[in-house]
């Protein structure tokens, strides 16, 4: 289900860096690490994260979804 949701929102992020799933009792905890375009303002990124989180949590009962914005290696200032 998580991968299907990510595919539905593929136009909202640049790259997937990882997914962590964990169960505890009847609850499911999901951590998704996504890279967004660097020129996007953080408020735009946060709006996207909020929409994806709500969508995912409504489709997986008793779930807690965290979407963590991340990036690839940063080479700024290096030769």
Protein backbone atom coordinates (compact mmCIF):
# COMPACT_ATOMS: atom_id res chain seq x y z
CA UNK A 1 0.00 0.00 0.00
CA UNK A 2 2.79 2.46 0.79
CA UNK A 3 4.49 2.04 -2.59
CA UNK A 4 1.15 2.44 -4.41
CA UNK A 5 0.54 5.73 -2.59
CA UNK A 6 4.03 6.95 -3.45
CA UNK A 7 3.40 6.10 -7.11
CA UNK A 8 0.18 8.14 -7.03
CA UNK A 9 2.17 11.15 -5.75
CA UNK A 10 5.36 10.65 -7.81
CA UNK A 11 5.00 14.10 -9.40
CA UNK A 12 5.27 15.73 -5.95
CA UNK A 13 8.80 14.59 -5.09
CA UNK A 14 12.13 13.98 -6.80
CA UNK A 15 13.42 10.79 -5.23
CA UNK A 16 12.59 8.16 -2.64
CA UNK A 17 15.46 7.58 -0.21
CA UNK A 18 13.85 4.93 1.97
CA UNK A 19 10.83 3.47 3.76
CA UNK A 20 10.75 2.11 7.30
CA UNK A 21 7.76 0.09 8.52
CA UNK A 22 7.14 -1.06 12.06
CA UNK A 23 4.23 -2.69 13.89
CA UNK A 24 3.49 -2.40 17.56
CA UNK A 25 0.35 -4.10 18.78
CA UNK A 26 -2.39 -3.08 16.35
CA UNK A 27 -0.61 0.04 15.16
CA UNK A 28 1.51 0.52 12.04
CA UNK A 29 4.29 3.13 11.95
CA UNK A 30 5.59 4.28 8.59
CA UNK A 31 8.62 6.49 7.94
CA UNK A 32 9.11 7.71 4.37
CA UNK A 33 12.24 9.62 3.34
CA UNK A 34 11.62 11.78 0.27
CA UNK A 35 13.73 14.25 -1.66
CA UNK A 36 11.98 17.34 -2.99
CA UNK A 37 13.18 19.83 -5.60
CA UNK A 38 15.61 22.21 -3.91
CA UNK A 39 13.96 25.31 -5.38
CA UNK A 40 10.65 24.57 -3.61
CA UNK A 41 9.81 26.68 -0.60
CA UNK A 42 9.46 24.73 2.63
CA UNK A 43 5.77 25.73 2.91
CA UNK A 44 5.11 24.00 -0.44
CA UNK A 45 7.01 20.91 0.68
CA UNK A 46 5.09 20.85 3.97
CA UNK A 47 1.73 21.14 2.18
CA UNK A 48 2.69 18.15 0.00
CA UNK A 49 3.81 16.17 3.06
CA UNK A 50 0.55 16.96 4.88
CA UNK A 51 -1.60 15.83 1.93
CA UNK A 52 0.36 12.60 1.51
CA UNK A 53 0.29 11.87 5.25
CA UNK A 54 -3.49 12.37 5.54
CA UNK A 55 -4.12 10.29 2.43
CA UNK A 56 -1.94 7.44 3.69
CA UNK A 57 -3.31 7.43 7.25
CA UNK A 58 -6.92 7.28 6.04
CA UNK A 59 -6.12 4.20 3.93
CA UNK A 60 -4.20 2.29 6.63
CA UNK A 61 -6.23 1.88 9.84
CA UNK A 62 -4.39 2.65 13.09
CA UNK A 63 -1.36 4.06 11.29
CA UNK A 64 1.05 6.86 11.97
CA UNK A 65 2.87 8.14 8.89
CA UNK A 66 5.92 10.39 9.02
CA UNK A 67 7.29 11.83 5.80
CA UNK A 68 10.79 13.15 6.29
CA UNK A 69 12.19 15.55 3.70
CA UNK A 70 15.76 14.65 2.87
CA UNK A 71 18.33 15.19 0.16
CA UNK A 72 21.10 13.43 -1.65
CA UNK A 73 24.72 14.27 -1.01
CA UNK A 74 25.39 17.98 -0.83
CA UNK A 75 28.45 18.99 -2.86
CA UNK A 76 28.14 22.73 -2.42
CA UNK A 77 31.42 24.43 -1.67
CA UNK A 78 33.45 21.37 -2.58
CA UNK A 79 35.79 21.00 -5.53
